[in-house]
Amino acid sequence: MSVNPLGGAFRAPDPSAPASGAFPAAPAEQVPEAAVVRGPASKSPEATVKAFYEAFTHLRYDEVEKIYAPNVTYSDPLFTHKDSKSTLHMWKTLFQADELKLGYQVLGVEGDKVRGRWTADYNFHGRPVHEVSESTFVVKNGRIVSHKDDFSTVAW
């Protein structure tokens, strides 16, 4: 079975290729529609992080809340949070910044770990801030269970 190195969808093995030890994929027509899992648990780690970044960069606090696991751990050079409530409070504070503009990139995927980068431009007490943060996420069952950001505190 092949995996896209950037974390894309799995590709079913070629039935004419020699066995590789992987379980063969069942043809789609053999899976009853009612048995197909839908919702967050069916998302790949990359899709989960993209959904997080889309909600985050468009200030959709309620969606960010749904993507984090209740016991998410968050850390960066300044803060450590051990649950979603305190992590979400931090983001809610950022979302209230003056002239906030956010952007993101997904940089790579390795199993349940996703690396990304987000940028924030805003005014903090009248001073313009340009923040670039490198992120590492761990995703389990379609929810973010760990989020670690790293950025320059000097530049911040």
C-alpha atoms as a PDB file:
ATOM      1  CA  MET A   1       0.000   0.000   0.000  1.00  0.00           C
ATOM      2  CA  SER A   2       1.431   3.394  -0.944  1.00  0.00           C
ATOM      3  CA  VAL A   3       1.120   6.571   1.053  1.00  0.00           C
ATOM      4  CA  ASN A   4       1.415  10.037  -0.399  1.00  0.00           C
ATOM      5  CA  PRO A   5       4.552  11.495   1.292  1.00  0.00           C
ATOM      6  CA  LEU A   6       2.605  14.694   1.971  1.00  0.00           C
ATOM      7  CA  GLY A   7      -0.072  12.785   3.850  1.00  0.00           C
ATOM      8  CA  GLY A   8      -2.660  12.364   1.092  1.00  0.00           C
ATOM      9  CA  ALA A   9      -5.109   9.525   0.727  1.00  0.00           C
ATOM     10  CA  PHE A  10      -4.053   5.906   0.704  1.00  0.00           C
ATOM     11  CA  ARG A  11      -3.949   4.222  -2.679  1.00  0.00           C
ATOM     12  CA  ALA A  12      -5.291   0.685  -2.968  1.00  0.00           C
ATOM     13  CA  PRO A  13      -2.618  -1.881  -3.877  1.00  0.00           C
ATOM     14  CA  ASP A  14      -2.369  -3.162  -7.420  1.00  0.00           C
ATOM     15  CA  PRO A  15      -4.060  -6.629  -7.362  1.00  0.00           C
ATOM     16  CA  SER A  16      -1.535  -7.922  -9.924  1.00  0.00           C
ATOM     17  CA  ALA A  17       1.464  -6.864  -7.794  1.00  0.00           C
ATOM     18  CA  PRO A  18       3.191  -9.361  -5.490  1.00  0.00           C
ATOM     19  CA  ALA A  19       1.819  -9.492  -1.933  1.00  0.00           C
ATOM     20  CA  SER A  20       3.479  -7.000   0.395  1.00  0.00           C
ATOM     21  CA  GLY A  21       2.066  -8.213   3.680  1.00  0.00           C
ATOM     22  CA  ALA A  22      -0.597  -5.505   3.749  1.00  0.00           C
ATOM     23  CA  PHE A  23      -4.250  -6.420   3.999  1.00  0.00           C
ATOM     24  CA  PRO A  24      -5.971  -6.000   0.643  1.00  0.00           C
ATOM     25  CA  ALA A  25      -8.540  -3.237   0.447  1.00  0.00           C
ATOM     26  CA  ALA A  26     -12.142  -4.400   0.192  1.00  0.00           C
ATOM     27  CA  PRO A  27     -13.869  -3.169  -2.964  1.00  0.00           C
ATOM     28  CA  ALA A  28     -16.092  -0.177  -2.234  1.00  0.00           C
ATOM     29  CA  GLU A  29     -19.223  -2.013  -3.426  1.00  0.00           C
ATOM     30  CA  GLN A  30     -18.822  -4.578  -0.610  1.00  0.00           C
ATOM     31  CA  VAL A  31     -19.080  -1.920   2.123  1.00  0.00           C
ATOM     32  CA  PRO A  32     -22.712  -1.134   2.961  1.00  0.00           C
ATOM     33  CA  GLU A  33     -23.421   2.606   3.002  1.00  0.00           C
ATOM     34  CA  ALA A  34     -24.660   2.406   6.605  1.00  0.00           C
ATOM     35  CA  ALA A  35     -21.275   0.996   7.717  1.00  0.00           C
ATOM     36  CA  VAL A  36     -19.245   3.919   6.359  1.00  0.00           C
ATOM     37  CA  VAL A  37     -17.981   6.135   9.204  1.00  0.00           C
ATOM     38  CA  ARG A  38     -18.684   9.833   8.719  1.00  0.00           C
ATOM     39  CA  GLY A  39     -17.677  12.924  10.681  1.00  0.00           C
ATOM     40  CA  PRO A  40     -14.459  13.854  12.492  1.00  0.00           C
ATOM     41  CA  ALA A  41     -13.321  10.269  13.122  1.00  0.00           C
ATOM     42  CA  SER A  42     -13.200   9.622   9.364  1.00  0.00           C
ATOM     43  CA  LYS A  43     -10.870  12.557   8.666  1.00  0.00           C
ATOM     44  CA  SER A  44      -7.195  11.971   8.004  1.00  0.00           C
ATOM     45  CA  PRO A  45      -4.764  13.818  10.276  1.00  0.00           C
ATOM     46  CA  GLU A  46      -3.977  16.202   7.413  1.00  0.00           C
ATOM     47  CA  ALA A  47      -7.667  16.909   6.736  1.00  0.00           C
ATOM     48  CA  THR A  48      -8.235  17.483  10.467  1.00  0.00           C
ATOM     49  CA  VAL A  49      -5.404  20.026  10.662  1.00  0.00           C
ATOM     50  CA  LYS A  50      -6.561  21.758   7.478  1.00  0.00           C
ATOM     51  CA  ALA A  51     -10.062  22.012   8.970  1.00  0.00           C
ATOM     52  CA  PHE A  52      -8.526  23.449  12.149  1.00  0.00           C
ATOM     53  CA  TYR A  53      -6.487  26.020  10.221  1.00  0.00           C
ATOM     54  CA  GLU A  54      -9.483  26.997   8.069  1.00  0.00           C
ATOM     55  CA  ALA A  55     -11.608  27.564  11.174  1.00  0.00           C
ATOM     56  CA  PHE A  56      -8.725  29.261  13.009  1.00  0.00           C
ATOM     57  CA  THR A  57      -7.784  31.652  10.190  1.00  0.00           C
ATOM     58  CA  HIS A  58     -11.433  32.581   9.608  1.00  0.00           C
ATOM     59  CA  LEU A  59     -12.055  33.193  13.335  1.00  0.00           C
ATOM     60  CA  ARG A  60     -14.649  30.423  13.669  1.00  0.00           C
ATOM     61  CA  TYR A  61     -14.112  29.764  17.372  1.00  0.00           C
ATOM     62  CA  ASP A  62     -16.954  27.227  17.611  1.00  0.00           C
ATOM     63  CA  GLU A  63     -15.377  25.061  14.892  1.00  0.00           C
ATOM     64  CA  VAL A  64     -11.920  25.261  16.471  1.00  0.00           C
ATOM     65  CA  GLU A  65     -13.514  24.008  19.692  1.00  0.00           C
ATOM     66  CA  LYS A  66     -15.011  20.967  17.932  1.00  0.00           C
ATOM     67  CA  ILE A  67     -11.691  19.970  16.346  1.00  0.00           C
ATOM     68  CA  TYR A  68      -9.694  19.943  19.589  1.00  0.00           C
ATOM     69  CA  ALA A  69     -10.074  16.911  21.857  1.00  0.00           C
ATOM     70  CA  PRO A  70     -11.371  17.922  25.317  1.00  0.00           C
ATOM     71  CA  ASN A  71      -8.021  16.973  26.886  1.00  0.00           C
ATOM     72  CA  VAL A  72      -5.845  18.570  24.196  1.00  0.00           C
ATOM     73  CA  THR A  73      -2.414  19.658  25.373  1.00  0.00           C
ATOM     74  CA  TYR A  74      -1.025  22.898  23.998  1.00  0.00           C
ATOM     75  CA  SER A  75       2.389  24.443  24.456  1.00  0.00           C
ATOM     76  CA  ASP A  76       4.474  27.236  23.005  1.00  0.00           C
ATOM     77  CA  PRO A  77       7.495  29.199  24.302  1.00  0.00           C
ATOM     78  CA  LEU A  78       5.218  31.259  26.578  1.00  0.00           C
ATOM     79  CA  PHE A  79       2.250  29.070  27.562  1.00  0.00           C
ATOM     80  CA  THR A  80       1.319  25.511  28.445  1.00  0.00           C
ATOM     81  CA  HIS A  81      -2.307  24.379  28.582  1.00  0.00           C
ATOM     82  CA  LYS A  82      -3.545  20.914  29.494  1.00  0.00           C
ATOM     83  CA  ASP A  83      -7.137  21.084  28.303  1.00  0.00           C
ATOM     84  CA  SER A  84      -9.243  22.560  25.546  1.00  0.00           C
ATOM     85  CA  LYS A  85     -10.915  25.162  27.779  1.00  0.00           C
ATOM     86  CA  SER A  86      -7.693  27.041  28.600  1.00  0.00           C
ATOM     87  CA  THR A  87      -6.308  26.582  25.074  1.00  0.00           C
ATOM     88  CA  LEU A  88      -9.501  27.940  23.542  1.00  0.00           C
ATOM     89  CA  HIS A  89      -9.468  30.908  25.923  1.00  0.00           C
ATOM     90  CA  MET A  90      -5.999  31.795  24.625  1.00  0.00           C
ATOM     91  CA  TRP A  91      -7.215  31.665  20.990  1.00  0.00           C
ATOM     92  CA  LYS A  92     -10.325  33.660  21.826  1.00  0.00           C
ATOM     93  CA  THR A  93      -8.050  36.394  23.181  1.00  0.00           C
ATOM     94  CA  LEU A  94      -5.985  36.382  19.957  1.00  0.00           C
ATOM     95  CA  PHE A  95      -9.167  36.484  17.857  1.00  0.00           C
ATOM     96  CA  GLN A  96     -10.027  39.813  19.511  1.00  0.00           C
ATOM     97  CA  ALA A  97      -6.763  41.485  18.411  1.00  0.00           C
ATOM     98  CA  ASP A  98      -6.995  44.673  16.375  1.00  0.00           C
ATOM     99  CA  GLU A  99      -6.579  44.320  12.602  1.00  0.00           C
ATOM    100  CA  LEU A 100      -5.978  40.551  12.831  1.00  0.00           C
ATOM    101  CA  LYS A 101      -4.965  38.763   9.640  1.00  0.00           C
ATOM    102  CA  LEU A 102      -4.101  35.048   9.720  1.00  0.00           C
ATOM    103  CA  GLY A 103      -2.644  32.587   7.236  1.00  0.00           C
ATOM    104  CA  TYR A 104      -1.386  28.996   7.254  1.00  0.00           C
ATOM    105  CA  GLN A 105       0.424  26.190   5.444  1.00  0.00           C
ATOM    106  CA  VAL A 106       0.480  22.440   6.050  1.00  0.00           C
ATOM    107  CA  LEU A 107       4.149  21.451   5.740  1.00  0.00           C
ATOM    108  CA  GLY A 108       4.117  17.689   6.106  1.00  0.00           C
ATOM    109  CA  VAL A 109       2.459  14.603   7.514  1.00  0.00           C
ATOM    110  CA  GLU A 110       3.971  11.541   9.122  1.00  0.00           C
ATOM    111  CA  GLY A 111       1.401   9.119  10.488  1.00  0.00           C
ATOM    112  CA  ASP A 112      -0.732  10.929  13.058  1.00  0.00           C
ATOM    113  CA  LYS A 113       1.673  13.912  13.251  1.00  0.00           C
ATOM    114  CA  VAL A 114       1.149  16.985  11.092  1.00  0.00           C
ATOM    115  CA  ARG A 115       3.540  19.916  10.776  1.00  0.00           C
ATOM    116  CA  GLY A 116       2.246  23.327   9.837  1.00  0.00           C
ATOM    117  CA  ARG A 117       2.992  27.012   9.939  1.00  0.00           C
ATOM    118  CA  TRP A 118       0.630  29.846  10.722  1.00  0.00           C
ATOM    119  CA  THR A 119       1.149  33.568  10.558  1.00  0.00           C
ATOM    120  CA  ALA A 120      -0.614  36.340  12.408  1.00  0.00           C
ATOM    121  CA  ASP A 121      -0.445  40.056  11.757  1.00  0.00           C
ATOM    122  CA  TYR A 122      -2.165  42.310  14.262  1.00  0.00           C
ATOM    123  CA  ASN A 123      -1.749  45.317  16.539  1.00  0.00           C
ATOM    124  CA  PHE A 124      -0.848  44.725  20.180  1.00  0.00           C
ATOM    125  CA  HIS A 125      -1.271  47.860  22.290  1.00  0.00           C
ATOM    126  CA  GLY A 126      -0.791  49.969  19.168  1.00  0.00           C
ATOM    127  CA  ARG A 127       2.340  48.101  18.053  1.00  0.00           C
ATOM    128  CA  PRO A 128       2.225  46.010  14.854  1.00  0.00           C
ATOM    129  CA  VAL A 129       3.072  42.334  15.384  1.00  0.00           C
ATOM    130  CA  HIS A 130       4.061  39.793  12.730  1.00  0.00           C
ATOM    131  CA  GLU A 131       4.124  36.318  14.259  1.00  0.00           C
ATOM    132  CA  VAL A 132       5.278  33.173  12.456  1.00  0.00           C
ATOM    133  CA  SER A 133       4.640  29.968  14.334  1.00  0.00           C
ATOM    134  CA  GLU A 134       5.810  26.466  13.434  1.00  0.00           C
ATOM    135  CA  SER A 135       3.265  23.911  14.651  1.00  0.00           C
ATOM    136  CA  THR A 136       3.266  20.205  15.366  1.00  0.00           C
ATOM    137  CA  PHE A 137      -0.098  18.496  15.827  1.00  0.00           C
ATOM    138  CA  VAL A 138      -0.957  14.967  16.910  1.00  0.00           C
ATOM    139  CA  VAL A 139      -4.349  13.791  15.677  1.00  0.00           C
ATOM    140  CA  LYS A 140      -6.304  10.813  17.016  1.00  0.00           C
ATOM    141  CA  ASN A 141      -9.754   9.798  15.771  1.00  0.00           C
ATOM    142  CA  GLY A 142     -10.197  13.024  13.817  1.00  0.00           C
ATOM    143  CA  ARG A 143      -9.466  15.329  16.768  1.00  0.00           C
ATOM    144  CA  ILE A 144      -6.317  17.239  17.719  1.00  0.00           C
ATOM    145  CA  VAL A 145      -4.943  15.783  20.979  1.00  0.00           C
ATOM    146  CA  SER A 146      -1.648  17.712  21.014  1.00  0.00           C
ATOM    147  CA  HIS A 147      -0.706  21.082  19.541  1.00  0.00           C
ATOM    148  CA  LYS A 148       2.765  22.524  19.982  1.00  0.00           C
ATOM    149  CA  ASP A 149       3.758  25.905  18.532  1.00  0.00           C
ATOM    150  CA  ASP A 150       7.261  27.277  18.298  1.00  0.00           C
ATOM    151  CA  PHE A 151       8.053  30.896  17.491  1.00  0.00           C
ATOM    152  CA  SER A 152      10.618  33.553  18.239  1.00  0.00           C
ATOM    153  CA  THR A 153       9.775  35.332  21.470  1.00  0.00           C
ATOM    154  CA  VAL A 154      12.260  38.032  20.479  1.00  0.00           C
ATOM    155  CA  ALA A 155      10.415  38.773  17.233  1.00  0.00           C
ATOM    156  CA  TRP A 156       7.081  38.642  19.057  1.00  0.00           C
END
